[in-house]
Amino acid sequence: MRIWIKEIKDNHLIKDLVVENYEDDTRTHKVFNALDKACSELDLSHPIWLDKNVKEFSNHSRTKFGHDNFIDDIPFDYLDFLVIEED
C-alpha cells in the first residue's frame, strides 16, 4: 500500500510525503501506521478522525484533515490523505 500525504495552503502544495507499507497487515492498520509515520516525519500532531473523514475514506480512499481535525494550530489549510496504490 502506498499513501500520499500532502499539506495544502491556498491551493498550493507545501509539503508532501509518500508512505509505503507492504507488510502482511489489515488495511486499517496500514492506514493508521501511515498516518502515524507521516505525522512524525512532518512534525504534526495526529488529526482526529471525524465521521465525515471515515465516510470519505471508506468511499473514496481519500480524505482531508482540516483545522477541525487538529487540536493544535496548523500552518496549512488541510492535510490531504490519499491511497495511491493498494496491494
N, C-alpha and C. Protein backbone atom coordinates (compact mmCIF):
# COMPACT_ATOMS: atom_id res chain seq x y z
N MET A 1 0.85 -1.17 0.00
CA MET A 1 0.00 0.00 0.00
C MET A 1 0.89 1.24 0.00
N ARG A 2 0.52 2.19 -0.82
CA ARG A 2 1.21 3.48 -0.84
C ARG A 2 0.19 4.58 -0.58
N ILE A 3 0.53 5.49 0.32
CA ILE A 3 -0.36 6.59 0.68
C ILE A 3 0.40 7.90 0.49
N TRP A 4 -0.26 8.84 -0.16
CA TRP A 4 0.33 10.16 -0.41
C TRP A 4 -0.31 11.15 0.55
N ILE A 5 0.51 11.82 1.34
CA ILE A 5 0.04 12.79 2.31
C ILE A 5 0.58 14.16 1.88
N LYS A 6 -0.32 15.14 1.75
CA LYS A 6 0.07 16.46 1.26
C LYS A 6 -0.45 17.56 2.18
N GLU A 7 0.40 18.52 2.48
CA GLU A 7 -0.01 19.74 3.18
C GLU A 7 -0.36 20.77 2.10
N ILE A 8 -1.58 21.30 2.16
CA ILE A 8 -2.06 22.24 1.15
C ILE A 8 -2.41 23.57 1.82
N LYS A 9 -1.90 24.67 1.25
CA LYS A 9 -2.24 26.01 1.72
C LYS A 9 -2.50 26.88 0.51
N ASP A 10 -3.63 27.57 0.51
CA ASP A 10 -4.04 28.43 -0.60
C ASP A 10 -3.95 27.69 -1.94
N ASN A 11 -4.41 26.47 -1.95
CA ASN A 11 -4.41 25.61 -3.15
C ASN A 11 -3.03 25.32 -3.71
N HIS A 12 -2.00 25.41 -2.87
CA HIS A 12 -0.64 25.08 -3.27
C HIS A 12 -0.09 23.98 -2.37
N LEU A 13 0.67 23.11 -2.97
CA LEU A 13 1.34 22.05 -2.23
C LEU A 13 2.50 22.64 -1.43
N ILE A 14 2.49 22.47 -0.12
CA ILE A 14 3.55 22.99 0.75
C ILE A 14 4.59 21.89 1.02
N LYS A 15 4.12 20.74 1.47
CA LYS A 15 4.98 19.57 1.73
C LYS A 15 4.21 18.33 1.33
N ASP A 16 4.94 17.29 0.98
CA ASP A 16 4.27 16.02 0.72
C ASP A 16 5.19 14.88 1.09
N LEU A 17 4.58 13.71 1.20
CA LEU A 17 5.28 12.52 1.64
C LEU A 17 4.51 11.31 1.13
N VAL A 18 5.23 10.31 0.64
CA VAL A 18 4.62 9.04 0.26
C VAL A 18 5.08 8.00 1.27
N VAL A 19 4.12 7.32 1.88
CA VAL A 19 4.42 6.29 2.87
C VAL A 19 4.05 4.94 2.24
N GLU A 20 5.00 4.02 2.26
CA GLU A 20 4.77 2.69 1.72
C GLU A 20 4.70 1.68 2.86
N ASN A 21 3.79 0.74 2.73
CA ASN A 21 3.66 -0.32 3.72
C ASN A 21 3.19 -1.58 3.01
N TYR A 22 4.09 -2.55 2.88
CA TYR A 22 3.74 -3.80 2.22
C TYR A 22 3.75 -4.98 3.18
N GLU A 23 3.59 -4.67 4.46
CA GLU A 23 3.55 -5.73 5.47
C GLU A 23 2.24 -6.49 5.35
N ASP A 24 2.24 -7.68 5.91
CA ASP A 24 1.03 -8.50 5.93
C ASP A 24 0.19 -8.07 7.13
N ASP A 25 -0.65 -7.06 6.91
CA ASP A 25 -1.46 -6.48 7.99
C ASP A 25 -2.80 -6.06 7.40
N THR A 26 -3.73 -5.68 8.24
CA THR A 26 -5.04 -5.24 7.75
C THR A 26 -4.93 -3.86 7.12
N ARG A 27 -5.87 -3.53 6.28
CA ARG A 27 -5.89 -2.21 5.63
C ARG A 27 -5.97 -1.11 6.68
N THR A 28 -6.79 -1.30 7.68
CA THR A 28 -6.95 -0.30 8.74
C THR A 28 -5.64 -0.04 9.46
N HIS A 29 -4.92 -1.10 9.80
CA HIS A 29 -3.65 -0.93 10.48
C HIS A 29 -2.64 -0.22 9.58
N LYS A 30 -2.64 -0.56 8.30
CA LYS A 30 -1.72 0.10 7.37
C LYS A 30 -2.02 1.60 7.26
N VAL A 31 -3.30 1.94 7.23
CA VAL A 31 -3.70 3.35 7.13
C VAL A 31 -3.27 4.11 8.38
N PHE A 32 -3.56 3.56 9.55
CA PHE A 32 -3.19 4.24 10.80
C PHE A 32 -1.67 4.32 10.97
N ASN A 33 -0.96 3.28 10.57
CA ASN A 33 0.51 3.32 10.64
C ASN A 33 1.08 4.37 9.69
N ALA A 34 0.50 4.49 8.51
CA ALA A 34 0.95 5.50 7.55
C ALA A 34 0.71 6.91 8.10
N LEU A 35 -0.43 7.12 8.71
CA LEU A 35 -0.73 8.43 9.29
C LEU A 35 0.22 8.74 10.44
N ASP A 36 0.51 7.74 11.29
CA ASP A 36 1.48 7.93 12.38
C ASP A 36 2.85 8.31 11.84
N LYS A 37 3.30 7.59 10.82
CA LYS A 37 4.61 7.86 10.25
C LYS A 37 4.66 9.25 9.61
N ALA A 38 3.61 9.61 8.89
CA ALA A 38 3.56 10.92 8.24
C ALA A 38 3.57 12.05 9.27
N CYS A 39 2.79 11.90 10.31
CA CYS A 39 2.74 12.94 11.35
C CYS A 39 4.09 13.08 12.03
N SER A 40 4.76 11.99 12.24
CA SER A 40 6.08 12.03 12.85
C SER A 40 7.08 12.73 11.93
N GLU A 41 7.10 12.35 10.66
CA GLU A 41 8.07 12.92 9.71
C GLU A 41 7.76 14.38 9.37
N LEU A 42 6.48 14.76 9.37
CA LEU A 42 6.10 16.13 9.05
C LEU A 42 5.99 17.00 10.30
N ASP A 43 6.28 16.41 11.46
CA ASP A 43 6.23 17.10 12.75
C ASP A 43 4.85 17.71 13.02
N LEU A 44 3.82 16.86 12.94
CA LEU A 44 2.44 17.27 13.17
C LEU A 44 1.84 16.49 14.31
N SER A 45 0.85 17.10 14.96
CA SER A 45 0.06 16.32 15.91
C SER A 45 -0.86 15.42 15.09
N HIS A 46 -1.36 14.38 15.70
CA HIS A 46 -2.24 13.45 14.99
C HIS A 46 -3.63 14.05 14.83
N PRO A 47 -4.17 14.00 13.62
CA PRO A 47 -5.53 14.51 13.42
C PRO A 47 -6.55 13.54 14.01
N ILE A 48 -7.69 14.08 14.31
CA ILE A 48 -8.81 13.30 14.83
C ILE A 48 -9.68 12.88 13.65
N TRP A 49 -10.00 11.59 13.58
CA TRP A 49 -10.88 11.09 12.53
C TRP A 49 -12.32 11.42 12.91
N LEU A 50 -12.94 12.34 12.20
CA LEU A 50 -14.35 12.65 12.40
C LEU A 50 -15.18 11.73 11.51
N ASP A 51 -16.48 11.70 11.76
CA ASP A 51 -17.36 10.83 10.97
C ASP A 51 -17.25 11.11 9.48
N LYS A 52 -17.13 12.38 9.10
CA LYS A 52 -17.03 12.72 7.68
C LYS A 52 -15.75 12.15 7.06
N ASN A 53 -14.65 12.13 7.85
CA ASN A 53 -13.40 11.57 7.34
C ASN A 53 -13.51 10.07 7.13
N VAL A 54 -14.13 9.40 8.07
CA VAL A 54 -14.30 7.94 7.95
C VAL A 54 -15.15 7.62 6.72
N LYS A 55 -16.22 8.37 6.53
CA LYS A 55 -17.11 8.13 5.39
C LYS A 55 -16.39 8.42 4.07
N GLU A 56 -15.69 9.57 3.98
CA GLU A 56 -14.95 9.91 2.77
C GLU A 56 -13.91 8.85 2.45
N PHE A 57 -13.16 8.44 3.47
CA PHE A 57 -12.10 7.47 3.24
C PHE A 57 -12.66 6.11 2.85
N SER A 58 -13.75 5.71 3.45
CA SER A 58 -14.37 4.42 3.10
C SER A 58 -14.87 4.42 1.66
N ASN A 59 -15.42 5.54 1.22
CA ASN A 59 -16.00 5.62 -0.12
C ASN A 59 -14.98 5.90 -1.22
N HIS A 60 -13.96 6.71 -0.92
CA HIS A 60 -13.07 7.20 -1.97
C HIS A 60 -11.58 6.92 -1.74
N SER A 61 -11.23 6.29 -0.63
CA SER A 61 -9.83 6.05 -0.25
C SER A 61 -9.05 7.37 -0.19
N ARG A 62 -9.75 8.41 0.24
CA ARG A 62 -9.16 9.74 0.35
C ARG A 62 -9.96 10.56 1.35
N THR A 63 -9.25 11.38 2.11
CA THR A 63 -9.92 12.32 3.00
C THR A 63 -9.03 13.53 3.22
N LYS A 64 -9.61 14.59 3.72
CA LYS A 64 -8.88 15.81 4.02
C LYS A 64 -9.07 16.13 5.50
N PHE A 65 -7.96 16.36 6.17
CA PHE A 65 -7.99 16.75 7.57
C PHE A 65 -7.76 18.25 7.64
N GLY A 66 -8.77 18.99 8.09
CA GLY A 66 -8.67 20.44 8.19
C GLY A 66 -8.42 20.89 9.62
N HIS A 67 -8.63 22.16 9.86
CA HIS A 67 -8.39 22.75 11.19
C HIS A 67 -9.24 22.09 12.27
N ASP A 68 -10.43 21.62 11.91
CA ASP A 68 -11.31 20.96 12.88
C ASP A 68 -10.76 19.62 13.36
N ASN A 69 -9.86 19.02 12.60
CA ASN A 69 -9.33 17.71 12.94
C ASN A 69 -8.10 17.76 13.85
N PHE A 70 -7.53 18.93 14.00
CA PHE A 70 -6.31 19.07 14.80
C PHE A 70 -6.59 19.87 16.07
N ILE A 71 -5.98 19.45 17.17
CA ILE A 71 -6.09 20.19 18.42
C ILE A 71 -5.18 21.42 18.36
N ASP A 72 -3.98 21.24 17.81
CA ASP A 72 -3.02 22.34 17.67
C ASP A 72 -3.32 23.14 16.41
N ASP A 73 -2.78 24.36 16.36
CA ASP A 73 -2.88 25.14 15.13
C ASP A 73 -2.00 24.50 14.07
N ILE A 74 -2.47 24.55 12.83
CA ILE A 74 -1.68 24.00 11.73
C ILE A 74 -1.35 25.14 10.76
N PRO A 75 -0.15 25.12 10.18
CA PRO A 75 0.28 26.21 9.29
C PRO A 75 -0.15 26.01 7.83
N PHE A 76 -1.19 25.23 7.61
CA PHE A 76 -1.69 24.97 6.25
C PHE A 76 -3.20 24.86 6.34
N ASP A 77 -3.86 24.79 5.19
CA ASP A 77 -5.32 24.74 5.16
C ASP A 77 -5.87 23.35 5.46
N TYR A 78 -5.25 22.32 4.88
CA TYR A 78 -5.69 20.95 5.15
C TYR A 78 -4.59 19.96 4.79
N LEU A 79 -4.73 18.77 5.34
CA LEU A 79 -3.83 17.66 5.06
C LEU A 79 -4.61 16.68 4.19
N ASP A 80 -4.15 16.49 2.96
CA ASP A 80 -4.81 15.58 2.02
C ASP A 80 -4.19 14.19 2.21
N PHE A 81 -5.02 13.19 2.41
CA PHE A 81 -4.59 11.83 2.72
C PHE A 81 -5.20 10.91 1.68
N LEU A 82 -4.37 10.35 0.78
CA LEU A 82 -4.86 9.64 -0.39
C LEU A 82 -4.13 8.32 -0.60
N VAL A 83 -4.87 7.24 -0.75
CA VAL A 83 -4.29 5.95 -1.10
C VAL A 83 -4.03 5.96 -2.60
N ILE A 84 -2.76 5.76 -3.00
CA ILE A 84 -2.44 5.78 -4.43
C ILE A 84 -2.17 4.38 -4.98
N GLU A 85 -1.97 3.41 -4.09
CA GLU A 85 -1.78 2.03 -4.54
C GLU A 85 -2.13 1.07 -3.40
N GLU A 86 -2.94 0.10 -3.71
CA GLU A 86 -3.27 -0.94 -2.72
C GLU A 86 -2.69 -2.26 -3.17
N ASP A 87 -2.31 -3.10 -2.19
CA ASP A 87 -1.79 -4.42 -2.55
C ASP A 87 -2.85 -5.47 -2.44
